[in-house]
PDB file of all heavy atoms in Angstrom:
ATOM      1  N   ASN A   1     110.749  -8.516 -55.241  1.00  0.00           N
ATOM      2  CA  ASN A   1     110.060  -8.011 -54.051  1.00  0.00           C
ATOM      3  C   ASN A   1     109.079  -9.038 -53.520  1.00  0.00           C
ATOM      4  O   ASN A   1     108.978  -9.240 -52.296  1.00  0.00           O
ATOM      5  CB  ASN A   1     109.371  -6.715 -54.373  1.00  0.00           C
ATOM      6  CG  ASN A   1     108.797  -6.039 -53.132  1.00  0.00           C
ATOM      7  OD1 ASN A   1     109.380  -6.108 -52.057  1.00  0.00           O
ATOM      8  ND2 ASN A   1     107.674  -5.352 -53.302  1.00  0.00           N
ATOM      9  N   TYR A   2     108.350  -9.696 -54.418  1.00  0.00           N
ATOM     10  CA  TYR A   2     107.299 -10.622 -53.971  1.00  0.00           C
ATOM     11  C   TYR A   2     107.714 -12.081 -54.131  1.00  0.00           C
ATOM     12  O   TYR A   2     106.892 -12.972 -53.896  1.00  0.00           O
ATOM     13  CB  TYR A   2     106.017 -10.371 -54.769  1.00  0.00           C
ATOM     14  CG  TYR A   2     105.404  -9.008 -54.498  1.00  0.00           C
ATOM     15  CD1 TYR A   2     105.558  -7.969 -55.382  1.00  0.00           C
ATOM     16  CD2 TYR A   2     104.686  -8.796 -53.302  1.00  0.00           C
ATOM     17  CE1 TYR A   2     105.011  -6.711 -55.133  1.00  0.00           C
ATOM     18  CE2 TYR A   2     104.132  -7.552 -53.037  1.00  0.00           C
ATOM     19  CZ  TYR A   2     104.294  -6.521 -53.945  1.00  0.00           C
ATOM     20  OH  TYR A   2     103.748  -5.296 -53.683  1.00  0.00           O
ATOM     21  N   GLN A   3     108.962 -12.335 -54.525  1.00  0.00           N
ATOM     22  CA  GLN A   3     109.461 -13.701 -54.651  1.00  0.00           C
ATOM     23  C   GLN A   3     108.559 -14.549 -55.555  1.00  0.00           C
ATOM     24  O   GLN A   3     108.109 -15.638 -55.168  1.00  0.00           O
ATOM     25  CB  GLN A   3     109.615 -14.368 -53.267  1.00  0.00           C
ATOM     26  CG  GLN A   3     110.675 -13.726 -52.383  1.00  0.00           C
ATOM     27  CD  GLN A   3     112.071 -13.877 -52.969  1.00  0.00           C
ATOM     28  OE1 GLN A   3     112.433 -14.962 -53.405  1.00  0.00           O
ATOM     29  NE2 GLN A   3     112.834 -12.786 -52.975  1.00  0.00           N
ATOM     30  N   LEU A   4     108.303 -14.037 -56.779  1.00  0.00           N
ATOM     31  CA  LEU A   4     107.410 -14.706 -57.716  1.00  0.00           C
ATOM     32  C   LEU A   4     108.234 -15.527 -58.707  1.00  0.00           C
ATOM     33  O   LEU A   4     108.977 -14.974 -59.541  1.00  0.00           O
ATOM     34  CB  LEU A   4     106.568 -13.686 -58.487  1.00  0.00           C
ATOM     35  CG  LEU A   4     105.640 -12.791 -57.631  1.00  0.00           C
ATOM     36  CD1 LEU A   4     104.962 -11.762 -58.503  1.00  0.00           C
ATOM     37  CD2 LEU A   4     104.602 -13.660 -56.925  1.00  0.00           C
ATOM     38  N   SER A   5     108.134 -16.830 -58.612  1.00  0.00           N
ATOM     39  CA  SER A   5     108.893 -17.708 -59.511  1.00  0.00           C
ATOM     40  C   SER A   5     108.409 -17.531 -60.964  1.00  0.00           C
ATOM     41  O   SER A   5     109.218 -17.474 -61.882  1.00  0.00           O
ATOM     42  CB  SER A   5     108.752 -19.164 -59.092  1.00  0.00           C
ATOM     43  OG  SER A   5     109.234 -19.339 -57.772  1.00  0.00           O
ATOM     44  N   LEU A   6     107.098 -17.452 -61.138  1.00  0.00           N
ATOM     45  CA  LEU A   6     106.577 -17.241 -62.493  1.00  0.00           C
ATOM     46  C   LEU A   6     106.956 -15.872 -63.035  1.00  0.00           C
ATOM     47  O   LEU A   6     107.132 -15.686 -64.242  1.00  0.00           O
ATOM     48  CB  LEU A   6     105.072 -17.416 -62.505  1.00  0.00           C
ATOM     49  CG  LEU A   6     104.547 -18.847 -62.271  1.00  0.00           C
ATOM     50  CD1 LEU A   6     103.022 -18.852 -62.279  1.00  0.00           C
ATOM     51  CD2 LEU A   6     105.086 -19.801 -63.324  1.00  0.00           C
ATOM     52  N   GLY A   7     107.126 -14.901 -62.129  1.00  0.00           N
ATOM     53  CA  GLY A   7     107.574 -13.579 -62.547  1.00  0.00           C
ATOM     54  C   GLY A   7     108.992 -13.619 -63.095  1.00  0.00           C
ATOM     55  O   GLY A   7     109.294 -13.002 -64.131  1.00  0.00           O
ATOM     56  N   TYR A   8     109.886 -14.364 -62.410  1.00  0.00           N
ATOM     57  CA  TYR A   8     111.228 -14.566 -62.929  1.00  0.00           C
ATOM     58  C   TYR A   8     111.201 -15.235 -64.282  1.00  0.00           C
ATOM     59  O   TYR A   8     111.920 -14.857 -65.205  1.00  0.00           O
ATOM     60  CB  TYR A   8     112.051 -15.410 -61.953  1.00  0.00           C
ATOM     61  CG  TYR A   8     112.477 -14.690 -60.680  1.00  0.00           C
ATOM     62  CD1 TYR A   8     112.004 -15.095 -59.470  1.00  0.00           C
ATOM     63  CD2 TYR A   8     113.373 -13.615 -60.755  1.00  0.00           C
ATOM     64  CE1 TYR A   8     112.396 -14.443 -58.299  1.00  0.00           C
ATOM     65  CE2 TYR A   8     113.777 -12.964 -59.595  1.00  0.00           C
ATOM     66  CZ  TYR A   8     113.283 -13.369 -58.366  1.00  0.00           C
ATOM     67  OH  TYR A   8     113.670 -12.726 -57.227  1.00  0.00           O
ATOM     68  N   LEU A   9     110.359 -16.265 -64.408  1.00  0.00           N
ATOM     69  CA  LEU A   9     110.299 -16.994 -65.677  1.00  0.00           C
ATOM     70  C   LEU A   9     109.862 -16.093 -66.813  1.00  0.00           C
ATOM     71  O   LEU A   9     110.469 -16.081 -67.906  1.00  0.00           O
ATOM     72  CB  LEU A   9     109.317 -18.170 -65.525  1.00  0.00           C
ATOM     73  CG  LEU A   9     109.074 -19.002 -66.801  1.00  0.00           C
ATOM     74  CD1 LEU A   9     110.363 -19.642 -67.244  1.00  0.00           C
ATOM     75  CD2 LEU A   9     107.988 -20.043 -66.552  1.00  0.00           C
ATOM     76  N   LEU A  10     108.816 -15.279 -66.551  1.00  0.00           N
ATOM     77  CA  LEU A  10     108.326 -14.368 -67.607  1.00  0.00           C
ATOM     78  C   LEU A  10     109.349 -13.304 -67.941  1.00  0.00           C
ATOM     79  O   LEU A  10     109.587 -12.986 -69.115  1.00  0.00           O
ATOM     80  CB  LEU A  10     107.020 -13.705 -67.138  1.00  0.00           C
ATOM     81  CG  LEU A  10     106.410 -12.675 -68.116  1.00  0.00           C
ATOM     82  CD1 LEU A  10     106.077 -13.344 -69.431  1.00  0.00           C
ATOM     83  CD2 LEU A  10     105.188 -12.045 -67.488  1.00  0.00           C
ATOM     84  N   THR A  11     110.045 -12.770 -66.904  1.00  0.00           N
ATOM     85  CA  THR A  11     111.032 -11.703 -67.145  1.00  0.00           C
ATOM     86  C   THR A  11     112.169 -12.198 -67.999  1.00  0.00           C
ATOM     87  O   THR A  11     112.553 -11.566 -68.993  1.00  0.00           O
ATOM     88  CB  THR A  11     111.571 -11.190 -65.812  1.00  0.00           C
ATOM     89  OG1 THR A  11     110.481 -10.676 -65.016  1.00  0.00           O
ATOM     90  CG2 THR A  11     112.598 -10.100 -66.040  1.00  0.00           C
ATOM     91  N   PHE A  12     112.745 -13.357 -67.649  1.00  0.00           N
ATOM     92  CA  PHE A  12     113.888 -13.863 -68.397  1.00  0.00           C
ATOM     93  C   PHE A  12     113.492 -14.410 -69.757  1.00  0.00           C
ATOM     94  O   PHE A  12     114.289 -14.385 -70.699  1.00  0.00           O
ATOM     95  CB  PHE A  12     114.638 -14.917 -67.568  1.00  0.00           C
ATOM     96  CG  PHE A  12     115.303 -14.369 -66.352  1.00  0.00           C
ATOM     97  CD1 PHE A  12     114.930 -14.763 -65.085  1.00  0.00           C
ATOM     98  CD2 PHE A  12     116.308 -13.409 -66.476  1.00  0.00           C
ATOM     99  CE1 PHE A  12     115.556 -14.247 -63.961  1.00  0.00           C
ATOM    100  CE2 PHE A  12     116.936 -12.879 -65.363  1.00  0.00           C
ATOM    101  CZ  PHE A  12     116.561 -13.297 -64.097  1.00  0.00           C
ATOM    102  N   LEU A  13     112.240 -14.888 -69.882  1.00  0.00           N
ATOM    103  CA  LEU A  13     111.775 -15.321 -71.182  1.00  0.00           C
ATOM    104  C   LEU A  13     111.669 -14.151 -72.168  1.00  0.00           C
ATOM    105  O   LEU A  13     112.126 -14.231 -73.325  1.00  0.00           O
ATOM    106  CB  LEU A  13     110.419 -16.029 -71.063  1.00  0.00           C
ATOM    107  CG  LEU A  13     109.785 -16.558 -72.351  1.00  0.00           C
ATOM    108  CD1 LEU A  13     110.688 -17.605 -72.986  1.00  0.00           C
ATOM    109  CD2 LEU A  13     108.389 -17.103 -72.085  1.00  0.00           C
ATOM    110  N   LEU A  14     111.106 -13.041 -71.662  1.00  0.00           N
ATOM    111  CA  LEU A  14     111.002 -11.837 -72.510  1.00  0.00           C
ATOM    112  C   LEU A  14     112.372 -11.255 -72.811  1.00  0.00           C
ATOM    113  O   LEU A  14     112.632 -10.785 -73.926  1.00  0.00           O
ATOM    114  CB  LEU A  14     110.104 -10.814 -71.845  1.00  0.00           C
ATOM    115  CG  LEU A  14     108.615 -11.170 -71.709  1.00  0.00           C
ATOM    116  CD1 LEU A  14     107.885 -10.090 -70.953  1.00  0.00           C
ATOM    117  CD2 LEU A  14     107.995 -11.380 -73.063  1.00  0.00           C
ATOM    118  N   ALA A  15     113.266 -11.242 -71.806  1.00  0.00           N
ATOM    119  CA  ALA A  15     114.605 -10.707 -72.012  1.00  0.00           C
ATOM    120  C   ALA A  15     115.378 -11.540 -73.029  1.00  0.00           C
ATOM    121  O   ALA A  15     116.088 -11.009 -73.905  1.00  0.00           O
ATOM    122  CB  ALA A  15     115.360 -10.644 -70.697  1.00  0.00           C
ATOM    123  N   GLY A  16     115.226 -12.878 -72.967  1.00  0.00           N
ATOM    124  CA  GLY A  16     115.894 -13.744 -73.933  1.00  0.00           C
ATOM    125  C   GLY A  16     115.362 -13.508 -75.337  1.00  0.00           C
ATOM    126  O   GLY A  16     116.121 -13.529 -76.310  1.00  0.00           O
ATOM    127  N   SER A  17     114.029 -13.325 -75.451  1.00  0.00           N
ATOM    128  CA  SER A  17     113.446 -13.044 -76.764  1.00  0.00           C
ATOM    129  C   SER A  17     113.982 -11.737 -77.345  1.00  0.00           C
ATOM    130  O   SER A  17     114.256 -11.638 -78.547  1.00  0.00           O
ATOM    131  CB  SER A  17     111.929 -12.996 -76.664  1.00  0.00           C
ATOM    132  OG  SER A  17     111.416 -14.224 -76.188  1.00  0.00           O
ATOM    133  N   ALA A  18     114.158 -10.725 -76.483  1.00  0.00           N
ATOM    134  CA  ALA A  18     114.664  -9.428 -76.936  1.00  0.00           C
ATOM    135  C   ALA A  18     116.103  -9.560 -77.433  1.00  0.00           C
ATOM    136  O   ALA A  18     116.503  -8.981 -78.447  1.00  0.00           O
ATOM    137  CB  ALA A  18     114.564  -8.402 -75.848  1.00  0.00           C
ATOM    138  N   LEU A  19     116.923 -10.364 -76.704  1.00  0.00           N
ATOM    139  CA  LEU A  19     118.320 -10.545 -77.124  1.00  0.00           C
ATOM    140  C   LEU A  19     118.408 -11.291 -78.453  1.00  0.00           C
ATOM    141  O   LEU A  19     119.251 -10.954 -79.304  1.00  0.00           O
ATOM    142  CB  LEU A  19     119.082 -11.297 -76.026  1.00  0.00           C
ATOM    143  CG  LEU A  19     119.338 -10.512 -74.726  1.00  0.00           C
ATOM    144  CD1 LEU A  19     120.018 -11.407 -73.692  1.00  0.00           C
ATOM    145  CD2 LEU A  19     120.164  -9.258 -75.006  1.00  0.00           C
ATOM    146  N   VAL A  20     117.582 -12.351 -78.608  1.00  0.00           N
ATOM    147  CA  VAL A  20     117.582 -13.079 -79.874  1.00  0.00           C
ATOM    148  C   VAL A  20     117.122 -12.165 -81.003  1.00  0.00           C
ATOM    149  O   VAL A  20     117.684 -12.171 -82.102  1.00  0.00           O
ATOM    150  CB  VAL A  20     116.683 -14.309 -79.763  1.00  0.00           C
ATOM    151  CG1 VAL A  20     116.493 -14.970 -81.142  1.00  0.00           C
ATOM    152  CG2 VAL A  20     117.277 -15.321 -78.796  1.00  0.00           C
ATOM    153  N   GLY A  21     116.076 -11.327 -80.731  1.00  0.00           N
ATOM    154  CA  GLY A  21     115.618 -10.373 -81.747  1.00  0.00           C
ATOM    155  C   GLY A  21     116.688  -9.380 -82.126  1.00  0.00           C
ATOM    156  O   GLY A  21     116.837  -9.013 -83.317  1.00  0.00           O
ATOM    157  N   MET A  22     117.500  -8.941 -81.158  1.00  0.00           N
ATOM    158  CA  MET A  22     118.600  -8.031 -81.447  1.00  0.00           C
ATOM    159  C   MET A  22     119.643  -8.681 -82.358  1.00  0.00           C
ATOM    160  O   MET A  22     120.127  -8.074 -83.314  1.00  0.00           O
ATOM    161  CB  MET A  22     119.250  -7.571 -80.146  1.00  0.00           C
ATOM    162  CG  MET A  22     120.417  -6.617 -80.312  1.00  0.00           C
ATOM    163  SD  MET A  22     121.194  -6.138 -78.753  1.00  0.00           S
ATOM    164  CE  MET A  22     121.862  -7.739 -78.230  1.00  0.00           C
ATOM    165  N   HIS A  23     119.978  -9.929 -82.064  1.00  0.00           N
ATOM    166  CA  HIS A  23     120.956 -10.644 -82.895  1.00  0.00           C
ATOM    167  C   HIS A  23     120.421 -10.854 -84.319  1.00  0.00           C
ATOM    168  O   HIS A  23     121.145 -10.632 -85.297  1.00  0.00           O
ATOM    169  CB  HIS A  23     121.273 -11.996 -82.238  1.00  0.00           C
ATOM    170  CG  HIS A  23     122.186 -12.848 -83.064  1.00  0.00           C
ATOM    171  ND1 HIS A  23     123.545 -12.594 -83.175  1.00  0.00           N
ATOM    172  CD2 HIS A  23     121.948 -13.956 -83.823  1.00  0.00           C
ATOM    173  CE1 HIS A  23     124.095 -13.489 -83.974  1.00  0.00           C
ATOM    174  NE2 HIS A  23     123.151 -14.335 -84.380  1.00  0.00           N
ATOM    175  N   VAL A  24     119.164 -11.245 -84.436  1.00  0.00           N
ATOM    176  CA  VAL A  24     118.595 -11.478 -85.775  1.00  0.00           C
ATOM    177  C   VAL A  24     118.481 -10.155 -86.539  1.00  0.00           C
ATOM    178  O   VAL A  24     118.758 -10.106 -87.756  1.00  0.00           O
ATOM    179  CB  VAL A  24     117.203 -12.151 -85.646  1.00  0.00           C
ATOM    180  CG1 VAL A  24     116.505 -12.216 -87.020  1.00  0.00           C
ATOM    181  CG2 VAL A  24     117.346 -13.535 -85.059  1.00  0.00           C
ATOM    182  N   CYS A  25     118.100  -9.102 -85.854  1.00  0.00           N
ATOM    183  CA  CYS A  25     117.958  -7.785 -86.501  1.00  0.00           C
ATOM    184  C   CYS A  25     119.309  -7.297 -87.045  1.00  0.00           C
ATOM    185  O   CYS A  25     119.405  -6.853 -88.199  1.00  0.00           O
ATOM    186  CB  CYS A  25     117.384  -6.777 -85.505  1.00  0.00           C
ATOM    187  SG  CYS A  25     116.909  -5.201 -86.252  1.00  0.00           S
ATOM    188  N   HIS A  26     120.346  -7.429 -86.268  1.00  0.00           N
ATOM    189  CA  HIS A  26     121.675  -6.992 -86.722  1.00  0.00           C
ATOM    190  C   HIS A  26     122.178  -7.866 -87.867  1.00  0.00           C
ATOM    191  O   HIS A  26     122.782  -7.393 -88.833  1.00  0.00           O
ATOM    192  CB  HIS A  26     122.676  -7.051 -85.546  1.00  0.00           C
ATOM    193  CG  HIS A  26     123.972  -6.391 -85.855  1.00  0.00           C
ATOM    194  ND1 HIS A  26     125.070  -7.081 -86.342  1.00  0.00           N
ATOM    195  CD2 HIS A  26     124.372  -5.075 -85.743  1.00  0.00           C
ATOM    196  CE1 HIS A  26     126.064  -6.270 -86.509  1.00  0.00           C
ATOM    197  NE2 HIS A  26     125.694  -5.027 -86.153  1.00  0.00           N
ATOM    198  N   GLY A  27     121.903  -9.183 -87.817  1.00  0.00           N
ATOM    199  CA  GLY A  27     122.306 -10.073 -88.874  1.00  0.00           C
ATOM    200  C   GLY A  27     121.565  -9.883 -90.171  1.00  0.00           C
ATOM    201  O   GLY A  27     122.021 -10.345 -91.220  1.00  0.00           O
ATOM    202  N   THR A  28     120.403  -9.224 -90.138  1.00  0.00           N
ATOM    203  CA  THR A  28     119.623  -8.991 -91.375  1.00  0.00           C
ATOM    204  C   THR A  28     120.384  -8.065 -92.328  1.00  0.00           C
ATOM    205  O   THR A  28     120.339  -8.268 -93.555  1.00  0.00           O
ATOM    206  CB  THR A  28     118.263  -8.403 -91.039  1.00  0.00           C
ATOM    207  OG1 THR A  28     117.565  -9.307 -90.185  1.00  0.00           O
ATOM    208  CG2 THR A  28     117.443  -8.163 -92.296  1.00  0.00           C
ATOM    209  N   LEU A  29     121.107  -7.093 -91.803  1.00  0.00           N
ATOM    210  CA  LEU A  29     121.886  -6.208 -92.671  1.00  0.00           C
ATOM    211  C   LEU A  29     123.345  -6.650 -92.770  1.00  0.00           C
ATOM    212  O   LEU A  29     123.951  -6.431 -93.853  1.00  0.00           O
ATOM    213  CB  LEU A  29     121.834  -4.769 -92.124  1.00  0.00           C
ATOM    214  CG  LEU A  29     120.582  -3.932 -92.397  1.00  0.00           C
ATOM    215  CD1 LEU A  29     120.809  -2.488 -91.997  1.00  0.00           C
ATOM    216  CD2 LEU A  29     120.151  -4.024 -93.836  1.00  0.00           C
ATOM    217  N   ARG A  30     123.881  -7.223 -91.758  1.00  0.00           N
ATOM    218  CA  ARG A  30     125.300  -7.599 -91.791  1.00  0.00           C
ATOM    219  C   ARG A  30     125.564  -8.644 -92.877  1.00  0.00           C
ATOM    220  O   ARG A  30     124.882  -9.670 -92.960  1.00  0.00           O
ATOM    221  CB  ARG A  30     125.728  -8.163 -90.425  1.00  0.00           C
ATOM    222  CG  ARG A  30     127.244  -8.348 -90.309  1.00  0.00           C
ATOM    223  CD  ARG A  30     127.644  -8.927 -88.957  1.00  0.00           C
ATOM    224  NE  ARG A  30     127.113 -10.265 -88.780  1.00  0.00           N
ATOM    225  CZ  ARG A  30     126.168 -10.590 -87.936  1.00  0.00           C
ATOM    226  NH1 ARG A  30     125.581  -9.651 -87.208  1.00  0.00           N
ATOM    227  NH2 ARG A  30     125.785 -11.861 -87.817  1.00  0.00           N
ATOM    228  N   GLY A  31     126.528  -8.389 -93.737  1.00  0.00           N
ATOM    229  CA  GLY A  31     126.865  -9.276 -94.829  1.00  0.00           C
ATOM    230  C   GLY A  31     126.132  -9.006 -96.123  1.00  0.00           C
ATOM    231  O   GLY A  31     126.382  -9.659 -97.140  1.00  0.00           O
TER     232      GLY A  31
END
């Protein structure tokens, strides 16, 4: 809405961290 470049950066940084956390969490039990 406000065309915030830093807002995009923060959003995708947090989303990437959540995806990595999901992968690590699943791998903790798998195997």
